[in-house]
Structure formats: C-alpha cells, structure tokens
C-alpha cells in the first residue's frame, strides 16, 4: 500500500538534496567571507607597513644628525672616540628595545579571520541542532 503524500511536501530525497545544496552554499559563502576579510586585513597591514617604512626612513635621517651632534657635544668633555662609543651603545640598546616591542605587535593573530571563524562555529551549531 502506497503512502499518500500531501501536495507541496518534499520527499526525503528532496529534503536531503536541498540540505546538501544549502550546506554547499553556506560553505561557499563562508569561504568568500574569509577571503574578503583576509584581503581587507592584508591591505590594512600593507598600508601600515608603507607608512612605517616612510616614517622610519625620515626619522633615521633626523636621528643620525642628532646623534652626530650629541657625540660632538660629548666630545667636548671626553675623547671623541669615547663620545661616539657612548652614543652608539645607548642608541643600540634603544634600538634593541624598539625591535623587541615591534616583534610582539606583529603576529598571525592580527590577520586571522575572526568573523569567519565565529560564523563557522554558529553554522556548525545550527547544523547540529537541525540534524539532531
């Protein structure tokens, strides 16, 4: 005896096919979101790197001039070689501290697709709820 199916109610095969299609669309959408988010963050990092490089070059030129002046002023009270050595050591230490602090700011965490990861977790939770 064949079961009578009301009009407009999808069969199990149609439901599974629709679910598979929806999951594919969802995954594709999440991939597009991840790609767009990574692209946006990468452009932001590139812009920041360009600004940092330009500022560093101009700052470096000014720093060299200031350091030469400092060493020449210090040479009035000690031998010139000692004055340049003192200034060089102080600047090398400051540079090491700046490099170390800069390295702590640069990490893969700053470019990770946070929104996409959150959306994927929500989607996985919804799929678990609907399949249970």
Protein backbone atom coordinates (compact mmCIF):
# COMPACT_ATOMS: atom_id res chain seq x y z
CA UNK A 1 0.00 0.00 0.00
CA UNK A 2 1.49 3.31 -1.06
CA UNK A 3 1.55 6.21 1.37
CA UNK A 4 -0.29 9.28 0.23
CA UNK A 5 1.85 12.39 0.26
CA UNK A 6 0.17 15.79 0.64
CA UNK A 7 0.78 18.35 -2.10
CA UNK A 8 3.85 20.57 -1.62
CA UNK A 9 5.51 18.35 1.00
CA UNK A 10 9.01 17.40 -0.22
CA UNK A 11 10.17 13.80 -0.20
CA UNK A 12 13.06 12.66 1.95
CA UNK A 13 15.34 12.64 -1.11
CA UNK A 14 14.35 16.20 -2.00
CA UNK A 15 14.94 17.31 1.59
CA UNK A 16 18.41 15.72 1.70
CA UNK A 17 19.29 17.18 -1.71
CA UNK A 18 18.11 20.63 -0.57
CA UNK A 19 20.07 20.34 2.66
CA UNK A 20 23.24 19.35 0.79
CA UNK A 21 22.77 22.28 -1.57
CA UNK A 22 22.23 24.66 1.34
CA UNK A 23 25.36 23.40 3.10
CA UNK A 24 27.38 23.88 -0.09
CA UNK A 25 26.05 27.42 -0.46
CA UNK A 26 26.85 28.10 3.18
CA UNK A 27 30.42 26.82 2.85
CA UNK A 28 30.95 28.84 -0.33
CA UNK A 29 29.61 31.96 1.38
CA UNK A 30 31.89 31.44 4.37
CA UNK A 31 34.87 30.97 2.06
CA UNK A 32 34.05 34.23 0.27
CA UNK A 33 33.72 35.98 3.63
CA UNK A 34 37.06 34.59 4.82
CA UNK A 35 38.77 35.64 1.60
CA UNK A 36 37.29 39.15 1.77
CA UNK A 37 38.18 39.52 5.45
CA UNK A 38 41.77 38.37 4.91
CA UNK A 39 42.09 40.65 1.88
CA UNK A 40 40.85 43.63 3.90
CA UNK A 41 43.25 42.92 6.77
CA UNK A 42 46.16 42.37 4.39
CA UNK A 43 45.53 45.72 2.68
CA UNK A 44 45.44 47.37 6.10
CA UNK A 45 48.76 45.77 7.06
CA UNK A 46 50.38 46.78 3.75
CA UNK A 47 49.26 50.40 4.24
CA UNK A 48 50.60 50.38 7.77
CA UNK A 49 53.92 48.90 6.62
CA UNK A 50 54.31 51.59 3.94
CA UNK A 51 53.63 54.33 6.48
CA UNK A 52 56.03 52.79 8.98
CA UNK A 53 58.77 52.45 6.38
CA UNK A 54 58.46 56.07 5.21
CA UNK A 55 58.39 57.37 8.76
CA UNK A 56 61.34 55.21 9.73
CA UNK A 57 63.46 56.49 6.84
CA UNK A 58 62.77 60.14 7.62
CA UNK A 59 63.24 59.53 11.32
CA UNK A 60 66.50 57.73 10.66
CA UNK A 61 67.92 60.72 8.80
CA UNK A 62 66.98 63.01 11.70
CA UNK A 63 68.34 60.56 14.24
CA UNK A 64 71.73 60.35 12.52
CA UNK A 65 72.00 64.12 12.59
CA UNK A 66 71.02 64.31 16.26
CA UNK A 67 73.43 61.54 17.21
CA UNK A 68 76.33 63.22 15.45
CA UNK A 69 75.53 66.45 17.25
CA UNK A 70 75.27 64.63 20.59
CA UNK A 71 78.58 62.87 20.07
CA UNK A 72 80.28 66.12 19.06
CA UNK A 73 78.89 67.87 22.16
CA UNK A 74 80.01 64.98 24.36
CA UNK A 75 83.43 65.14 22.73
CA UNK A 76 83.95 68.50 24.46
CA UNK A 77 84.28 66.67 27.82
CA UNK A 78 85.91 63.37 26.73
CA UNK A 79 87.87 61.99 23.79
CA UNK A 80 85.90 61.93 20.55
CA UNK A 81 86.20 58.14 20.15
CA UNK A 82 84.73 57.61 23.64
CA UNK A 83 81.89 60.07 22.98
CA UNK A 84 80.91 58.26 19.77
CA UNK A 85 81.17 54.90 21.56
CA UNK A 86 78.86 56.02 24.39
CA UNK A 87 76.28 57.44 21.99
CA UNK A 88 76.48 54.30 19.84
CA UNK A 89 75.93 51.96 22.78
CA UNK A 90 72.95 53.95 24.09
CA UNK A 91 71.32 54.00 20.65
CA UNK A 92 71.97 50.28 20.08
CA UNK A 93 70.20 49.49 23.37
CA UNK A 94 67.24 51.71 22.49
CA UNK A 95 67.05 50.06 19.07
CA UNK A 96 67.02 46.59 20.61
CA UNK A 97 64.13 47.55 22.89
CA UNK A 98 62.16 49.00 19.96
CA UNK A 99 62.73 45.93 17.79
CA UNK A 100 61.63 43.62 20.60
CA UNK A 101 58.44 45.59 21.23
CA UNK A 102 57.70 45.72 17.49
CA UNK A 103 58.05 41.96 17.16
CA UNK A 104 55.50 41.41 19.90
CA UNK A 105 52.98 43.52 17.97
CA UNK A 106 53.40 41.55 14.76
CA UNK A 107 51.64 38.21 14.94
CA UNK A 108 49.42 35.99 12.84
CA UNK A 109 46.59 36.68 15.28
CA UNK A 110 46.19 40.20 13.87
CA UNK A 111 45.30 38.84 10.43
CA UNK A 112 43.19 35.84 11.41
CA UNK A 113 39.60 35.91 10.06
CA UNK A 114 37.80 36.31 13.40
CA UNK A 115 34.33 36.96 12.00
CA UNK A 116 34.53 33.99 9.66
CA UNK A 117 35.61 31.68 12.47
CA UNK A 118 32.71 32.89 14.61
CA UNK A 119 30.26 32.38 11.74
CA UNK A 120 31.56 28.87 11.09
CA UNK A 121 31.04 27.98 14.75
CA UNK A 122 27.47 29.31 14.63
CA UNK A 123 26.79 27.42 11.40
CA UNK A 124 28.15 24.18 12.81
CA UNK A 125 25.97 24.63 15.90
CA UNK A 126 22.87 25.24 13.75
CA UNK A 127 23.59 22.19 11.61
CA UNK A 128 23.97 20.04 14.73
CA UNK A 129 20.65 21.33 16.07
CA UNK A 130 18.80 20.62 12.82
CA UNK A 131 20.27 17.17 12.32
CA UNK A 132 19.58 16.02 15.89
